[in-house]
Amino acid sequence: MGHKGNIEAVCTTRKHLPPDLIDQMREIFRPVEEYLTTIPRQPSVENQLKRNFFGTAELLGFKDKELELIHQKIMA
């Protein structure tokens, strides 16, 4: 496959990725999923509310630094 070491063994020998690696991959690809998939995924109600909240906060004049702090608290 052109790879050396552990990754080649994971991809060719075992044929099954560990569940924690799959979850990690999903998290990494989530931000670009809309560009990689052909079937659009409906955003969750929670995500829509967050987007609306940040859009409203921006219109109300919140600064980028304030929005970042709020984002960190919401995502924690």
Foldseek 3Di string as FASTA:
>chain_A
DPDDDDVCCCVPPPVDDDPVVVVVVCVVCVVVVVVVDPDDDDDDPVVVVVVVVLVVCVVVPDDPVRSVVVVVVVVD
